[in-house]
Amino acid sequence: MTDEKPLRADARRNRTRVLEAAERVFAAKGTSAPTEEVAREAGVGVGTVFRHFPTKEALLEAVLFARLHRFVDEAEATVAADSSDPGAAFFGFLTGWIEMSGAKNAYFEALSAAGVSVPSAGSVIGVRLKDALGVLLRRAQDTGDVRKDLGVEELIAVIIGTAKAAEHAGPEFRARTICILFDGLRPRQA
């Protein structure tokens, strides 16, 4: 990627429009929505889409990476905000994570089915997320809002499981599923 020439301003704008349109189309119609629909939504020709993303998988991958980068940026912004209520910051961040997981999982599944490698917990994105999550967790533990015997690795496993359960349960049970998880993360009352 370092050998690629920088894009002209109009090409950068078109690429951004295509990514934003793809995210809207895939969110509304699923990852199987046709690339032509993305082009229409972006207000460009399908050739422009394929100039930037030679395959649909490349487009899905770019959308997934953009979403993951935004998510990690949000995690780091939550850390930087250094809330006066670390428990609320921690639980608020986890709620956002669980809510965005359904869409993220659809991208992962579509890419995995196409044989495309997706980011892992050891990737740069994964390391940044674990670092930010570790800070949020420690702060919430220090104020007594989260049980002390919980580590980042366990928390990630629990969040992934809960996100899958919430996705399976559907919108009507999602809030209840999250509530049950959060009750389990809080310290036991004597």
Protein backbone atom coordinates (compact mmCIF):
# COMPACT_ATOMS: atom_id res chain seq x y z
CA MET A 1 0.00 0.00 0.00
CA THR A 2 2.89 2.39 0.54
CA ASP A 3 3.67 2.27 -3.20
CA GLU A 4 0.26 3.69 -4.14
CA LYS A 5 0.17 7.23 -5.48
CA PRO A 6 -1.79 9.70 -3.38
CA LEU A 7 -5.30 10.31 -4.66
CA ARG A 8 -6.33 13.62 -6.18
CA ALA A 9 -8.81 15.65 -4.12
CA ASP A 10 -11.78 14.68 -6.31
CA ALA A 11 -10.81 11.00 -6.18
CA ARG A 12 -10.52 11.18 -2.37
CA ARG A 13 -13.99 12.75 -2.20
CA ASN A 14 -15.42 10.03 -4.47
CA ARG A 15 -13.79 7.29 -2.39
CA THR A 16 -15.23 8.79 0.79
CA ARG A 17 -18.69 9.09 -0.80
CA VAL A 18 -18.55 5.46 -1.93
CA LEU A 19 -17.53 4.25 1.55
CA GLU A 20 -20.27 6.28 3.24
CA ALA A 21 -22.86 5.09 0.72
CA ALA A 22 -21.72 1.48 1.09
CA GLU A 23 -22.11 1.66 4.83
CA ARG A 24 -25.67 3.03 4.49
CA VAL A 25 -26.67 0.50 1.82
CA PHE A 26 -25.16 -2.48 3.65
CA ALA A 27 -26.75 -1.37 6.93
CA ALA A 28 -30.17 -1.11 5.29
CA LYS A 29 -30.04 -4.12 2.94
CA GLY A 30 -27.28 -6.37 4.22
CA THR A 31 -23.85 -7.19 2.86
CA SER A 32 -25.35 -8.95 -0.16
CA ALA A 33 -26.71 -5.65 -1.55
CA PRO A 34 -25.41 -5.07 -5.10
CA THR A 35 -22.47 -2.78 -5.77
CA GLU A 36 -24.60 -0.93 -8.34
CA GLU A 37 -26.85 0.18 -5.51
CA VAL A 38 -23.85 1.55 -3.64
CA ALA A 39 -22.85 3.51 -6.75
CA ARG A 40 -26.36 4.96 -7.09
CA GLU A 41 -26.42 5.94 -3.42
CA ALA A 42 -22.99 7.59 -3.76
CA GLY A 43 -24.03 9.44 -6.92
CA VAL A 44 -21.20 7.93 -8.97
CA GLY A 45 -20.92 5.36 -11.72
CA VAL A 46 -20.23 1.75 -10.89
CA GLY A 47 -16.85 2.16 -12.64
CA THR A 48 -15.85 4.69 -9.98
CA VAL A 49 -16.71 2.17 -7.26
CA PHE A 50 -14.58 -0.51 -8.91
CA ARG A 51 -11.73 1.93 -9.56
CA HIS A 52 -11.38 2.36 -5.80
CA PHE A 53 -12.50 -1.12 -4.75
CA PRO A 54 -11.76 -3.73 -7.43
CA THR A 55 -14.03 -6.34 -5.81
CA LYS A 56 -17.07 -6.30 -3.59
CA GLU A 57 -14.97 -7.98 -0.91
CA ALA A 58 -12.49 -5.08 -1.09
CA LEU A 59 -15.40 -2.67 -0.56
CA LEU A 60 -16.76 -4.71 2.38
CA GLU A 61 -13.28 -4.87 3.89
CA ALA A 62 -12.81 -1.09 3.55
CA VAL A 63 -16.19 -0.43 5.20
CA LEU A 64 -15.38 -2.85 8.02
CA PHE A 65 -11.97 -1.26 8.63
CA ALA A 66 -13.48 2.23 8.61
CA ARG A 67 -16.09 1.14 11.17
CA LEU A 68 -13.47 -0.53 13.36
CA HIS A 69 -11.20 2.51 13.23
CA ARG A 70 -14.10 4.79 14.23
CA PHE A 71 -14.99 2.41 17.05
CA VAL A 72 -11.44 2.36 18.41
CA ASP A 73 -11.24 6.15 18.04
CA GLU A 74 -14.43 6.37 20.14
CA ALA A 75 -12.89 4.07 22.77
CA GLU A 76 -9.78 6.24 22.95
CA ALA A 77 -11.91 9.40 23.10
CA THR A 78 -13.84 7.90 26.01
CA VAL A 79 -10.55 7.24 27.78
CA ALA A 80 -9.25 10.75 27.01
CA ALA A 81 -12.47 12.33 28.33
CA ASP A 82 -11.60 10.88 31.76
CA SER A 83 -15.21 10.96 32.95
CA SER A 84 -16.01 11.91 36.51
CA ASP A 85 -18.24 8.79 36.46
CA PRO A 86 -15.96 5.94 35.30
CA GLY A 87 -18.70 3.34 35.77
CA ALA A 88 -21.09 5.17 33.46
CA ALA A 89 -18.31 5.67 30.89
CA PHE A 90 -17.41 1.98 31.05
CA PHE A 91 -20.98 0.67 30.77
CA GLY A 92 -21.86 3.24 28.12
CA PHE A 93 -18.93 2.14 25.99
CA LEU A 94 -19.86 -1.54 26.37
CA THR A 95 -23.45 -0.80 25.36
CA GLY A 96 -22.22 0.89 22.18
CA TRP A 97 -19.94 -2.07 21.46
CA ILE A 98 -22.74 -4.59 21.81
CA GLU A 99 -25.09 -2.51 19.68
CA MET A 100 -22.61 -2.14 16.80
CA SER A 101 -21.54 -5.79 16.91
CA GLY A 102 -24.39 -7.09 14.79
CA ALA A 103 -23.34 -5.05 11.78
CA LYS A 104 -19.67 -5.80 12.36
CA ASN A 105 -20.40 -9.52 12.55
CA ALA A 106 -22.20 -9.40 9.19
CA TYR A 107 -19.07 -7.90 7.57
CA PHE A 108 -16.79 -10.46 9.24
CA GLU A 109 -19.00 -13.34 8.08
CA ALA A 110 -19.25 -12.07 4.50
CA LEU A 111 -15.50 -11.54 4.29
CA SER A 112 -14.66 -14.85 5.94
CA ALA A 113 -17.00 -16.66 3.54
CA ALA A 114 -15.11 -15.01 0.66
CA GLY A 115 -11.78 -16.11 2.13
CA VAL A 116 -10.66 -12.61 3.13
CA SER A 117 -8.57 -12.26 6.27
CA VAL A 118 -10.20 -10.01 8.87
CA PRO A 119 -8.51 -8.13 11.72
CA SER A 120 -7.79 -10.14 14.86
CA ALA A 121 -7.29 -9.14 18.47
CA GLY A 122 -3.54 -9.04 17.73
CA SER A 123 -3.94 -6.47 14.96
CA VAL A 124 -3.14 -2.80 15.51
CA ILE A 125 -6.87 -2.11 15.85
CA GLY A 126 -7.24 -4.96 18.35
CA VAL A 127 -4.30 -3.79 20.47
CA ARG A 128 -5.61 -0.22 20.56
CA LEU A 129 -9.06 -1.46 21.60
CA LYS A 130 -7.65 -3.71 24.34
CA ASP A 131 -5.53 -0.85 25.69
CA ALA A 132 -8.48 1.56 25.82
CA LEU A 133 -10.78 -1.08 27.28
CA GLY A 134 -8.16 -1.88 29.93
CA VAL A 135 -8.07 1.76 31.05
CA LEU A 136 -11.88 2.02 31.17
CA LEU A 137 -12.09 -1.26 33.10
CA ARG A 138 -9.43 -0.25 35.66
CA ARG A 139 -11.08 3.11 36.26
CA ALA A 140 -14.48 1.47 36.81
CA GLN A 141 -12.90 -1.11 39.11
CA ASP A 142 -11.10 1.59 41.10
CA THR A 143 -14.41 3.33 41.82
CA GLY A 144 -16.12 0.06 42.79
CA ASP A 145 -18.48 0.05 39.80
CA VAL A 146 -17.06 -3.18 38.33
CA ARG A 147 -15.93 -6.32 40.12
CA LYS A 148 -12.16 -6.48 40.75
CA ASP A 149 -11.68 -10.10 39.61
CA LEU A 150 -12.37 -9.32 35.95
CA GLY A 151 -9.58 -8.97 33.38
CA VAL A 152 -9.61 -7.49 29.89
CA GLU A 153 -9.36 -10.87 28.13
CA GLU A 154 -12.33 -12.25 30.10
CA LEU A 155 -14.29 -9.07 29.48
CA ILE A 156 -13.73 -9.27 25.73
CA ALA A 157 -14.90 -12.90 25.66
CA VAL A 158 -18.01 -12.00 27.68
CA ILE A 159 -18.78 -8.99 25.44
CA ILE A 160 -18.40 -11.04 22.26
CA GLY A 161 -20.69 -13.72 23.67
CA THR A 162 -23.23 -11.17 24.83
CA ALA A 163 -23.15 -9.38 21.48
CA LYS A 164 -23.90 -12.66 19.72
CA ALA A 165 -26.67 -13.43 22.21
CA ALA A 166 -28.15 -9.94 21.83
CA GLU A 167 -28.03 -10.29 18.04
CA HIS A 168 -29.78 -13.66 18.27
CA ALA A 169 -32.33 -12.43 20.83
CA GLY A 170 -33.40 -9.57 18.60
CA PRO A 171 -34.20 -5.98 19.52
CA GLU A 172 -36.98 -6.85 21.95
CA PHE A 173 -34.59 -8.72 24.28
CA ARG A 174 -31.34 -6.84 23.58
CA ALA A 175 -31.76 -4.37 26.46
CA ARG A 176 -32.60 -7.18 28.88
CA THR A 177 -29.58 -9.21 27.73
CA ILE A 178 -27.29 -6.22 28.28
CA CYS A 179 -28.84 -5.58 31.70
CA ILE A 180 -28.16 -9.17 32.78
CA LEU A 181 -24.53 -8.89 31.61
CA PHE A 182 -24.00 -5.61 33.44
CA ASP A 183 -25.46 -7.06 36.64
CA GLY A 184 -22.85 -9.82 36.40
CA LEU A 185 -20.02 -7.31 35.93
CA ARG A 186 -20.91 -5.32 39.04
CA PRO A 187 -19.49 -6.29 42.45
CA ARG A 188 -21.62 -8.57 44.57
CA GLN A 189 -23.53 -6.90 47.34
CA ALA A 190 -22.74 -8.22 50.82
